[in-house]
Amino acid sequence: MALSHRLEIRQGQGLVITPQLQQAIKLLQLSNIELDAFVEAELERNPLLQRDEGEHEPAGEVEAVRDASLTHVDAVADTTAGREMDTPHEDVSPGERATGDGAEAGAEHAGGQIDWSRAGGGGSFESDDGYERALTDVPTLAAHLRAQLVQAALSPARNAVAEILIDAVDDGGYLRLDVIELAERLGCPLEMVEETLVILQGFEPVGVFARDVRECLALQLKDQNRYDPAMAAMLDNLELLAKRDMVALRRLCGVDDEDLREMVAEIRALNPRPGAAYHSEPAETLVPDVMVREGLGGMWHVELNTDTLPRVLVDQRYHARVAKGARTDQEKTFVSDCMATANWLVKSLDQRAKTILKVSSEIVRQQDGFLAYGVEHLRPLNLKTVADAIGMHESTVSRVTSNKYIATPRGVFELKFFFTSAIQSSEGGEAHSAASVRHKIKGLVDAEKTEADVHSDDAIVEILKAAGVDIARRTVAKYREAMRIPSSVERRRQMKEAV
């Protein structure tokens, strides 16, 4: 077979991600702090960009610049001033109340002009060793607890409560939140918050989520199976231990000198700050990106927090002067590139604001049951549902909901907080929430009275499928273990021993 050279012309299509598109994607997933740093770096790098301070400037000169410079920015005012919902939540069922018209959400507003003037200072958020730090740093206590929360497979309502409790844990591992106030704010039973706290207190490191030193030490002693009435009496009188009043401690605990010495040694071996071993981050004030409030007639009003949106201008007058003075091709190219970059940045900031508002409005529409009635009314929700409703790609929704926070009447939450798992229906109907499926599994197990009644995981799968729940065996096993239900073999053995 002979080899030969030949020329061919082929036509094809391919997706090319331009530097401008990469910048727009990056801006979309930045938090408000990172966005401030990015804009600050661009202001230092591009002489045609300037920050709009909006004060102490001659009106005549400023207006001339603004008229020529804000062609892209002004459009975002239609989306950022907020929007009223069309239907009061008394008139429809939870989760079905409208916040707008889907893909066109945010097209109208109640009036007003967006203020892009406030932005933090401070250089680039990027660094050459960023990936190295991500790989070598000790994980934060919150990240460690959230990793265990995923494995716990709690119901959506309990998972929501757990997320808030994790956020309220300080660097030492102590809970700095009143559970009664939390229950009232979320509109859920106090018992559910307390039961969720008990589950979280079983996480590693042992002793986390304690509300005081006594509870922290008690959790560690219970884990070592060393918590008895004598230990409880000592923990109730830690001030005597601090004073070294051994006579009073011996009398209160009802032990002799040798037992008392052993108990004191055990107390001293415990860790009063179980969270201190994990990396701690400097405390930062959490500023929400989106604000939600209840308007007249029970309608939800969604708007961007303009304090987090930096406002930049393209200095058209300076560009005209510099472009006129450019002589060489290199100078002309530089001026042209700066102008294109400046215009694209303004346009990207505009699009970012519109996209965040559109996604947030759809999330509020989907989860308005939570806003109106509390955490138990969180609906199963995923990225695809939101993406399909607003005509965007799932990856875009994922970027928008990362590191973005929304202020609601029930508190400040990350946008990802509102995404809860669901179990699909085997009959093509509405999806079942994971919480309801776990309740069905527990009900089947509780109904077992004899060894013949015990259901294996495979049998539970078949029963659930017959009831319209499409679920895998490994999912049943995961839910069963999360609820601390023994396997079918262990349950039969327990029934046999009971007889």
Protein backbone atom coordinates (compact mmCIF):
# COMPACT_ATOMS: atom_id res chain seq x y z
CA MET A 1 0.00 0.00 0.00
CA ALA A 2 1.60 3.25 -1.14
CA LEU A 3 1.72 6.37 1.05
CA SER A 4 1.13 9.75 -0.50
CA HIS A 5 0.62 13.39 0.53
CA ARG A 6 -2.52 15.31 -0.31
CA LEU A 7 -4.30 18.50 0.74
CA GLU A 8 -7.88 18.47 1.96
CA ILE A 9 -10.31 21.22 2.98
CA ARG A 10 -12.75 20.32 5.74
CA GLN A 11 -15.50 22.39 7.24
CA GLY A 12 -16.54 21.89 10.86
CA GLN A 13 -18.03 23.57 13.87
CA GLY A 14 -16.49 23.85 17.30
CA LEU A 15 -17.07 25.72 20.52
CA VAL A 16 -14.31 28.20 21.31
CA ILE A 17 -14.29 29.80 24.74
CA THR A 18 -12.91 33.26 24.20
CA PRO A 19 -11.07 35.14 26.97
CA GLN A 20 -14.07 37.44 27.32
CA LEU A 21 -16.43 34.49 27.79
CA GLN A 22 -14.06 32.97 30.33
CA GLN A 23 -14.13 36.27 32.22
CA ALA A 24 -17.94 36.35 32.20
CA ILE A 25 -18.09 32.78 33.54
CA LYS A 26 -15.57 33.60 36.24
CA LEU A 27 -17.45 36.70 37.33
CA LEU A 28 -20.64 34.68 37.65
CA GLN A 29 -19.24 32.36 40.30
CA LEU A 30 -17.37 34.97 42.35
CA SER A 31 -18.63 35.95 45.77
CA ASN A 32 -19.19 39.63 46.46
CA ILE A 33 -15.82 39.89 48.24
CA GLU A 34 -13.97 38.23 45.36
CA LEU A 35 -15.82 40.42 42.86
CA ASP A 36 -14.70 43.56 44.69
CA ALA A 37 -11.10 42.38 44.56
CA PHE A 38 -11.36 41.51 40.86
CA VAL A 39 -12.85 44.89 39.94
CA GLU A 40 -10.21 46.67 41.99
CA ALA A 41 -7.48 44.84 40.06
CA GLU A 42 -9.11 45.76 36.74
CA LEU A 43 -9.29 49.41 37.77
CA GLU A 44 -5.55 49.40 38.45
CA ARG A 45 -4.79 47.60 35.19
CA ASN A 46 -7.07 49.45 32.77
CA PRO A 47 -6.66 53.27 32.55
CA LEU A 48 -10.02 53.67 30.79
CA LEU A 49 -11.96 52.29 33.76
CA GLN A 50 -12.87 54.40 36.76
CA ARG A 51 -15.04 53.86 39.80
CA ASP A 52 -18.24 55.89 39.98
CA GLU A 53 -18.09 57.41 43.45
CA GLY A 54 -21.27 59.36 42.81
CA GLU A 55 -20.44 62.36 45.02
CA HIS A 56 -18.41 65.59 45.21
CA GLU A 57 -18.07 65.93 41.45
CA PRO A 58 -19.24 68.74 39.14
CA ALA A 59 -22.59 67.69 37.73
CA GLY A 60 -21.88 68.94 34.22
CA GLU A 61 -18.68 66.96 33.72
CA VAL A 62 -20.01 63.82 35.35
CA GLU A 63 -23.21 63.73 33.30
CA ALA A 64 -21.27 63.96 30.05
CA VAL A 65 -19.20 60.96 31.03
CA ARG A 66 -22.15 58.99 32.36
CA ASP A 67 -24.26 59.50 29.29
CA ALA A 68 -21.54 58.02 27.12
CA SER A 69 -20.34 55.37 29.53
CA LEU A 70 -23.34 53.68 31.12
CA THR A 71 -24.97 52.24 28.04
CA HIS A 72 -24.58 48.72 29.41
CA VAL A 73 -24.97 49.44 33.11
CA ASP A 74 -28.27 51.30 32.89
CA ALA A 75 -30.03 48.23 31.53
CA VAL A 76 -29.49 46.35 34.76
CA ALA A 77 -31.57 48.86 36.71
CA ASP A 78 -34.68 47.16 35.36
CA THR A 79 -33.73 43.97 37.16
CA THR A 80 -32.16 45.14 40.37
CA ALA A 81 -34.73 47.44 41.88
CA GLY A 82 -36.91 44.44 42.83
CA ARG A 83 -40.20 42.88 41.90
CA GLU A 84 -43.50 42.12 43.53
CA MET A 85 -45.07 38.67 43.35
CA ASP A 86 -48.29 38.31 41.42
CA THR A 87 -50.17 36.13 43.89
CA PRO A 88 -50.52 36.41 47.68
CA HIS A 89 -49.50 33.15 49.39
CA GLU A 90 -52.86 32.81 51.09
CA ASP A 91 -54.51 32.07 47.73
CA VAL A 92 -52.46 29.11 46.55
CA SER A 93 -50.77 26.04 47.97
CA PRO A 94 -47.19 26.15 49.32
CA GLY A 95 -44.58 25.93 46.61
CA GLU A 96 -46.93 27.00 43.82
CA ARG A 97 -46.94 30.74 44.46
CA ALA A 98 -45.61 32.81 41.59
CA THR A 99 -42.73 35.23 41.86
CA GLY A 100 -42.76 36.29 38.25
CA ASP A 101 -43.04 34.80 34.82
CA GLY A 102 -40.11 32.36 34.72
CA ALA A 103 -37.58 33.17 32.08
CA GLU A 104 -38.54 36.82 32.02
CA ALA A 105 -38.21 37.16 35.79
CA GLY A 106 -36.73 40.45 36.71
CA ALA A 107 -37.75 42.27 33.53
CA GLU A 108 -39.73 44.88 35.43
CA HIS A 109 -39.09 46.74 38.62
CA ALA A 110 -40.68 49.11 41.04
CA GLY A 111 -38.42 51.97 40.03
CA GLY A 112 -35.10 53.36 41.18
CA GLN A 113 -31.52 53.37 40.02
CA ILE A 114 -28.93 50.80 40.98
CA ASP A 115 -25.93 52.02 42.92
CA TRP A 116 -22.70 50.29 41.92
CA SER A 117 -20.58 52.65 43.94
CA ARG A 118 -19.51 50.53 46.88
CA ALA A 119 -16.72 48.04 46.43
CA GLY A 120 -14.04 46.81 48.76
CA GLY A 121 -10.41 47.44 48.18
CA GLY A 122 -7.59 45.18 47.99
CA GLY A 123 -5.76 43.65 45.05
CA SER A 124 -6.34 40.39 43.25
CA PHE A 125 -8.04 37.44 44.88
CA GLU A 126 -5.92 35.05 42.88
CA SER A 127 -2.48 33.80 43.85
CA ASP A 128 0.01 31.36 42.41
CA ASP A 129 -0.08 29.06 45.41
CA GLY A 130 -3.87 28.96 45.74
CA TYR A 131 -4.17 25.36 44.64
CA GLU A 132 -1.31 24.32 46.91
CA ARG A 133 -3.05 25.84 49.92
CA ALA A 134 -6.29 24.10 48.98
CA LEU A 135 -4.50 20.76 48.98
CA THR A 136 -2.33 21.21 52.07
CA ASP A 137 -4.44 23.28 54.48
CA VAL A 138 -6.17 21.53 57.35
CA PRO A 139 -9.92 21.55 56.61
CA THR A 140 -12.08 23.92 58.58
CA LEU A 141 -14.29 22.58 61.33
CA ALA A 142 -17.40 23.56 59.37
CA ALA A 143 -16.19 21.66 56.28
CA HIS A 144 -15.43 18.60 58.41
CA LEU A 145 -18.89 18.69 59.97
CA ARG A 146 -20.62 19.18 56.63
CA ALA A 147 -18.82 16.15 55.21
CA GLN A 148 -20.32 14.08 58.03
CA LEU A 149 -23.71 15.69 57.50
CA VAL A 150 -23.78 14.35 53.94
CA GLN A 151 -23.22 10.83 55.26
CA ALA A 152 -25.97 11.24 57.87
CA ALA A 153 -28.63 11.45 55.11
CA LEU A 154 -31.09 13.48 57.17
CA SER A 155 -34.47 14.59 55.93
CA PRO A 156 -34.54 17.91 54.01
CA ALA A 157 -36.04 19.74 56.98
CA ARG A 158 -33.55 18.33 59.48
CA ASN A 159 -30.70 18.90 57.05
CA ALA A 160 -31.69 22.56 56.78
CA VAL A 161 -31.69 22.90 60.56
CA ALA A 162 -28.32 21.11 60.74
CA GLU A 163 -26.77 23.53 58.24
CA ILE A 164 -27.75 26.48 60.39
CA LEU A 165 -26.45 24.79 63.54
CA ILE A 166 -23.11 24.10 61.84
CA ASP A 167 -22.82 27.76 60.88
CA ALA A 168 -23.35 28.65 64.55
CA VAL A 169 -20.41 26.56 65.84
CA ASP A 170 -17.39 28.62 66.92
CA ASP A 171 -13.70 27.75 66.50
CA GLY A 172 -13.69 25.80 69.74
CA GLY A 173 -16.58 23.59 68.65
CA TYR A 174 -19.26 25.21 70.85
CA LEU A 175 -22.76 26.04 69.65
CA ARG A 176 -23.43 29.77 69.91
CA LEU A 177 -27.13 29.73 69.07
CA ASP A 178 -30.25 29.44 71.15
CA VAL A 179 -32.28 26.47 69.89
CA ILE A 180 -35.56 28.01 71.07
CA GLU A 181 -34.97 31.16 69.03
CA LEU A 182 -33.95 29.04 66.02
CA ALA A 183 -37.14 26.97 66.22
CA GLU A 184 -39.25 30.14 66.35
CA ARG A 185 -37.40 31.72 63.44
CA LEU A 186 -37.68 28.63 61.22
CA GLY A 187 -41.26 27.92 62.23
CA CYS A 188 -40.55 24.30 63.18
CA PRO A 189 -41.13 22.32 66.40
CA LEU A 190 -38.51 22.74 69.12
CA GLU A 191 -38.37 18.96 69.43
CA MET A 192 -37.11 18.66 65.85
CA VAL A 193 -34.31 21.16 66.46
CA GLU A 194 -33.28 19.38 69.67
CA GLU A 195 -33.37 15.95 68.00
CA THR A 196 -31.24 17.27 65.14
CA LEU A 197 -28.78 18.71 67.67
CA VAL A 198 -28.50 15.32 69.37
CA ILE A 199 -27.58 13.76 66.02
CA LEU A 200 -24.95 16.43 65.36
CA GLN A 201 -23.46 15.94 68.82
CA GLY A 202 -22.55 12.44 67.69
CA PHE A 203 -20.23 13.83 65.00
CA GLU A 204 -16.44 13.90 65.20
CA PRO A 205 -14.61 15.43 66.98
CA VAL A 206 -16.42 14.22 70.06
CA GLY A 207 -17.74 17.11 72.11
CA VAL A 208 -18.76 19.45 69.28
CA PHE A 209 -22.10 21.29 69.38
CA ALA A 210 -21.94 21.55 73.17
CA ARG A 211 -23.47 24.68 74.64
CA ASP A 212 -21.10 24.91 77.60
CA VAL A 213 -18.01 23.22 79.03
CA ARG A 214 -20.04 20.82 81.15
CA GLU A 215 -21.98 19.49 78.16
CA CYS A 216 -18.77 19.25 76.09
CA LEU A 217 -17.05 17.10 78.75
CA ALA A 218 -20.22 15.05 79.28
CA LEU A 219 -20.40 14.20 75.57
CA GLN A 220 -16.81 12.96 75.62
CA LEU A 221 -17.39 10.88 78.76
CA LYS A 222 -20.52 9.33 77.26
CA ASP A 223 -18.52 8.41 74.18
CA GLN A 224 -16.02 6.60 76.46
CA ASN A 225 -18.88 4.99 78.41
CA ARG A 226 -17.61 6.72 81.58
CA TYR A 227 -20.55 8.99 82.33
CA ASP A 228 -22.14 7.87 85.59
CA PRO A 229 -23.89 9.67 88.49
CA ALA A 230 -20.58 10.38 90.19
CA MET A 231 -19.17 11.96 87.03
CA ALA A 232 -22.38 13.92 86.53
CA ALA A 233 -22.05 15.33 90.05
CA MET A 234 -18.45 16.36 89.38
CA LEU A 235 -19.39 18.09 86.12
CA ASP A 236 -22.14 19.94 87.96
CA ASN A 237 -19.50 21.32 90.34
CA LEU A 238 -16.56 22.16 88.07
CA GLU A 239 -16.00 25.38 90.03
CA LEU A 240 -15.04 23.24 93.05
CA LEU A 241 -12.57 21.32 90.89
CA ALA A 242 -11.05 24.62 89.77
CA LYS A 243 -10.66 25.61 93.44
CA ARG A 244 -9.20 22.15 94.22
CA ASP A 245 -11.81 21.67 96.94
CA MET A 246 -11.45 17.88 96.98
CA VAL A 247 -13.25 17.43 100.29
CA ALA A 248 -16.45 18.98 98.98
CA LEU A 249 -16.15 17.08 95.67
CA ARG A 250 -15.67 13.77 97.46
CA ARG A 251 -18.79 14.40 99.52
CA LEU A 252 -20.92 15.49 96.55
CA CYS A 253 -19.79 12.63 94.29
CA GLY A 254 -20.04 9.99 97.02
CA VAL A 255 -16.65 8.38 96.27
CA ASP A 256 -13.44 7.71 98.15
CA ASP A 257 -10.08 9.43 97.63
CA GLU A 258 -8.78 6.89 95.10
CA ASP A 259 -11.89 7.06 92.92
CA LEU A 260 -11.85 10.83 93.11
CA ARG A 261 -8.25 10.98 91.90
CA GLU A 262 -9.10 8.73 88.96
CA MET A 263 -12.11 10.84 88.07
CA VAL A 264 -10.07 14.04 88.16
CA ALA A 265 -7.44 12.42 85.92
CA GLU A 266 -10.13 11.44 83.43
CA ILE A 267 -11.55 14.97 83.40
CA ARG A 268 -8.11 16.45 82.79
CA ALA A 269 -7.54 14.06 79.86
CA LEU A 270 -10.58 15.43 78.05
CA ASN A 271 -10.45 18.21 75.45
CA PRO A 272 -12.45 21.32 76.45
CA ARG A 273 -11.99 22.78 72.92
CA PRO A 274 -12.60 19.90 70.49
CA GLY A 275 -12.75 22.19 67.44
CA ALA A 276 -9.38 23.84 68.05
CA ALA A 277 -7.52 21.15 66.06
CA TYR A 278 -9.11 22.33 62.83
CA HIS A 279 -8.14 25.26 60.67
CA SER A 280 -9.95 28.44 61.60
CA GLU A 281 -10.69 31.32 59.28
CA PRO A 282 -10.91 34.96 60.28
CA ALA A 283 -14.48 35.97 60.98
CA GLU A 284 -16.04 37.90 58.12
CA THR A 285 -19.28 39.80 58.06
CA LEU A 286 -21.75 37.94 55.87
CA VAL A 287 -23.32 40.33 53.36
CA PRO A 288 -26.24 38.86 51.38
CA ASP A 289 -26.30 39.22 47.60
CA VAL A 290 -30.10 39.08 47.35
CA MET A 291 -32.80 40.46 49.63
CA VAL A 292 -36.28 38.95 50.01
CA ARG A 293 -39.04 40.59 51.99
CA GLU A 294 -42.79 40.23 52.25
CA GLY A 295 -44.67 43.02 50.55
CA LEU A 296 -48.27 44.15 50.67
CA GLY A 297 -50.87 41.42 50.30
CA GLY A 298 -48.44 38.64 51.20
CA MET A 299 -46.40 38.98 48.02
CA TRP A 300 -42.63 38.36 48.03
CA HIS A 301 -40.35 41.18 46.91
CA VAL A 302 -36.97 40.06 45.50
CA GLU A 303 -34.14 42.48 44.84
CA LEU A 304 -30.36 42.56 44.59
CA ASN A 305 -28.32 44.06 47.39
CA THR A 306 -26.82 47.01 45.54
CA ASP A 307 -24.22 47.52 48.27
CA THR A 308 -22.40 44.43 46.99
CA LEU A 309 -22.36 45.54 43.34
CA PRO A 310 -19.33 47.62 42.28
CA ARG A 311 -20.13 50.37 39.80
CA VAL A 312 -17.56 51.17 37.14
CA LEU A 313 -17.52 53.68 34.29
CA VAL A 314 -15.77 53.72 30.93
CA ASP A 315 -14.07 57.11 30.62
CA GLN A 316 -15.02 57.97 27.04
CA ARG A 317 -13.50 61.47 27.23
CA TYR A 318 -10.09 60.14 28.34
CA HIS A 319 -10.27 57.43 25.66
CA ALA A 320 -10.86 60.02 22.93
CA ARG A 321 -7.91 62.06 24.12
CA VAL A 322 -5.55 59.07 24.36
CA ALA A 323 -6.69 57.58 21.04
CA LYS A 324 -6.04 60.89 19.30
CA GLY A 325 -2.51 60.99 20.70
CA ALA A 326 -1.62 57.39 19.77
CA ARG A 327 1.04 57.31 17.06
CA THR A 328 2.43 53.79 16.69
CA ASP A 329 0.48 50.63 15.91
CA GLN A 330 1.42 49.27 19.32
CA GLU A 331 -0.10 52.28 21.08
CA LYS A 332 -3.27 52.10 19.00
CA THR A 333 -3.62 48.38 19.72
CA PHE A 334 -3.17 48.98 23.45
CA VAL A 335 -5.84 51.69 23.54
CA SER A 336 -8.21 49.56 21.49
CA ASP A 337 -7.71 46.51 23.75
CA CYS A 338 -8.28 48.59 26.88
CA MET A 339 -11.52 49.96 25.45
CA ALA A 340 -12.79 46.51 24.47
CA THR A 341 -11.88 45.07 27.88
CA ALA A 342 -13.56 47.94 29.72
CA ASN A 343 -16.79 47.64 27.74
CA TRP A 344 -16.84 43.88 28.21
CA LEU A 345 -16.34 44.19 31.96
CA VAL A 346 -19.28 46.58 32.27
CA LYS A 347 -21.42 44.28 30.17
CA SER A 348 -20.35 41.22 32.20
CA LEU A 349 -21.23 42.92 35.48
CA ASP A 350 -24.61 43.80 34.03
CA GLN A 351 -25.26 40.23 32.91
CA ARG A 352 -24.06 38.83 36.23
CA ALA A 353 -26.55 40.97 38.15
CA LYS A 354 -29.43 39.95 35.87
CA THR A 355 -28.57 36.26 36.11
CA ILE A 356 -28.29 36.24 39.91
CA LEU A 357 -31.66 37.95 40.23
CA LYS A 358 -33.31 35.60 37.75
CA VAL A 359 -32.03 32.46 39.50
CA SER A 360 -32.85 33.82 42.96
CA SER A 361 -36.39 34.71 41.92
CA GLU A 362 -37.02 31.19 40.66
CA ILE A 363 -35.65 29.69 43.87
CA VAL A 364 -38.01 31.91 45.88
CA ARG A 365 -40.90 30.81 43.66
CA GLN A 366 -40.05 27.15 44.20
CA GLN A 367 -39.42 27.43 47.95
CA ASP A 368 -41.95 30.03 49.00
CA GLY A 369 -43.56 27.40 51.21
CA PHE A 370 -40.47 27.61 53.39
CA LEU A 371 -40.63 31.40 53.52
CA ALA A 372 -44.31 31.38 54.42
CA TYR A 373 -44.63 28.36 56.73
CA GLY A 374 -41.19 27.18 57.84
CA VAL A 375 -38.48 24.64 57.21
CA GLU A 376 -40.79 21.63 57.10
CA HIS A 377 -42.21 22.97 53.83
CA LEU A 378 -38.95 22.82 51.87
CA ARG A 379 -39.69 21.17 48.54
CA PRO A 380 -37.42 18.73 46.67
CA LEU A 381 -35.41 20.93 44.30
CA ASN A 382 -32.41 20.44 42.03
CA LEU A 383 -30.38 22.51 39.62
CA LYS A 384 -32.15 21.11 36.55
CA THR A 385 -35.58 22.23 37.76
CA VAL A 386 -34.41 25.81 38.20
CA ALA A 387 -32.39 25.77 34.96
CA ASP A 388 -35.36 24.53 32.90
CA ALA A 389 -37.70 27.09 34.44
CA ILE A 390 -35.52 30.08 33.54
CA GLY A 391 -34.05 28.75 30.29
CA MET A 392 -30.44 28.41 31.44
CA HIS A 393 -27.90 25.61 31.68
CA GLU A 394 -27.45 23.69 34.93
CA SER A 395 -23.79 24.72 35.13
CA THR A 396 -24.84 28.38 35.04
CA VAL A 397 -27.27 27.86 37.91
CA SER A 398 -24.57 26.00 39.83
CA ARG A 399 -22.14 28.89 39.44
CA VAL A 400 -24.76 31.46 40.44
CA THR A 401 -25.68 29.60 43.63
CA SER A 402 -22.07 29.11 44.75
CA ASN A 403 -20.95 31.54 47.46
CA LYS A 404 -24.10 33.64 47.08
CA TYR A 405 -26.36 34.41 50.03
CA ILE A 406 -29.96 35.48 50.29
CA ALA A 407 -31.51 37.40 53.19
CA THR A 408 -35.04 36.23 54.03
CA PRO A 409 -37.44 36.89 56.91
CA ARG A 410 -36.25 33.56 58.33
CA GLY A 411 -32.55 34.38 58.19
CA VAL A 412 -29.62 34.55 55.78
CA PHE A 413 -28.98 31.39 53.77
CA GLU A 414 -26.67 30.29 51.00
CA LEU A 415 -28.60 29.78 47.77
CA LYS A 416 -27.56 26.12 47.73
CA PHE A 417 -29.43 25.72 51.02
CA PHE A 418 -32.70 25.56 49.09
CA PHE A 419 -31.72 22.53 46.98
CA THR A 420 -32.99 19.34 48.61
CA SER A 421 -32.95 15.75 47.40
CA ALA A 422 -35.94 13.89 45.98
CA ILE A 423 -36.89 10.31 45.13
CA GLN A 424 -38.49 9.90 41.70
CA SER A 425 -41.88 8.30 41.27
CA SER A 426 -41.95 4.95 39.50
CA GLU A 427 -45.32 5.88 37.96
CA GLY A 428 -44.15 9.16 36.46
CA GLY A 429 -45.97 11.29 39.02
CA GLU A 430 -44.64 13.95 41.36
CA ALA A 431 -41.33 13.13 43.01
CA HIS A 432 -41.24 11.98 46.62
CA SER A 433 -39.10 13.80 49.12
CA ALA A 434 -36.34 11.82 50.78
CA ALA A 435 -37.94 12.52 54.16
CA SER A 436 -41.22 10.87 53.18
CA VAL A 437 -39.39 7.81 51.80
CA ARG A 438 -37.45 7.41 55.05
CA HIS A 439 -40.74 7.66 56.93
CA LYS A 440 -42.17 4.85 54.80
CA ILE A 441 -39.13 2.65 55.49
CA LYS A 442 -39.38 3.25 59.22
CA GLY A 443 -43.09 2.47 59.12
CA LEU A 444 -42.43 -0.89 57.43
CA VAL A 445 -39.85 -1.81 60.05
CA ASP A 446 -42.04 -0.69 62.96
CA ALA A 447 -44.83 -2.93 61.64
CA GLU A 448 -42.64 -6.05 61.97
CA LYS A 449 -43.99 -8.14 64.87
CA THR A 450 -42.57 -11.63 64.18
CA GLU A 451 -39.54 -13.08 62.40
CA ALA A 452 -41.71 -13.85 59.39
CA ASP A 453 -42.67 -10.20 59.10
CA VAL A 454 -39.08 -8.94 58.84
CA HIS A 455 -38.40 -7.29 55.45
CA SER A 456 -35.03 -7.47 53.75
CA ASP A 457 -33.73 -4.41 51.89
CA ASP A 458 -34.75 -6.05 48.59
CA ALA A 459 -38.25 -6.67 49.90
CA ILE A 460 -38.52 -3.02 51.01
CA VAL A 461 -37.47 -1.93 47.51
CA GLU A 462 -40.26 -4.00 45.95
CA ILE A 463 -42.85 -2.69 48.42
CA LEU A 464 -41.84 0.92 47.74
CA LYS A 465 -41.87 0.41 43.97
CA ALA A 466 -45.37 -1.00 44.25
CA ALA A 467 -46.27 2.22 46.10
CA GLY A 468 -44.84 4.33 43.29
CA VAL A 469 -41.38 5.07 44.71
CA ASP A 470 -38.49 4.29 42.37
CA ILE A 471 -35.56 3.60 44.71
CA ALA A 472 -32.40 1.51 44.61
CA ARG A 473 -31.46 -1.11 47.20
CA ARG A 474 -28.29 0.74 48.21
CA THR A 475 -30.39 3.84 48.88
CA VAL A 476 -32.71 1.85 51.15
CA ALA A 477 -29.66 0.51 53.01
CA LYS A 478 -28.23 4.02 53.37
CA TYR A 479 -31.49 5.43 54.74
CA ARG A 480 -31.91 2.46 57.09
CA GLU A 481 -28.40 2.88 58.49
CA ALA A 482 -28.90 6.63 58.88
CA MET A 483 -31.99 5.93 61.00
CA ARG A 484 -29.93 3.40 63.03
CA ILE A 485 -32.18 0.50 61.99
CA PRO A 486 -30.37 -2.87 62.11
CA SER A 487 -30.23 -5.15 59.09
CA SER A 488 -32.94 -7.77 58.54
CA VAL A 489 -30.61 -10.50 59.88
CA GLU A 490 -29.98 -8.56 63.09
CA ARG A 491 -33.67 -7.77 63.52
CA ARG A 492 -34.59 -11.46 63.23
CA ARG A 493 -31.89 -12.33 65.78
CA GLN A 494 -33.21 -9.72 68.19
CA MET A 495 -36.75 -11.07 67.89
CA LYS A 496 -35.53 -14.61 68.50
CA GLU A 497 -33.60 -13.54 71.60
CA ALA A 498 -36.63 -11.61 72.89
CA VAL A 499 -38.72 -14.79 72.72
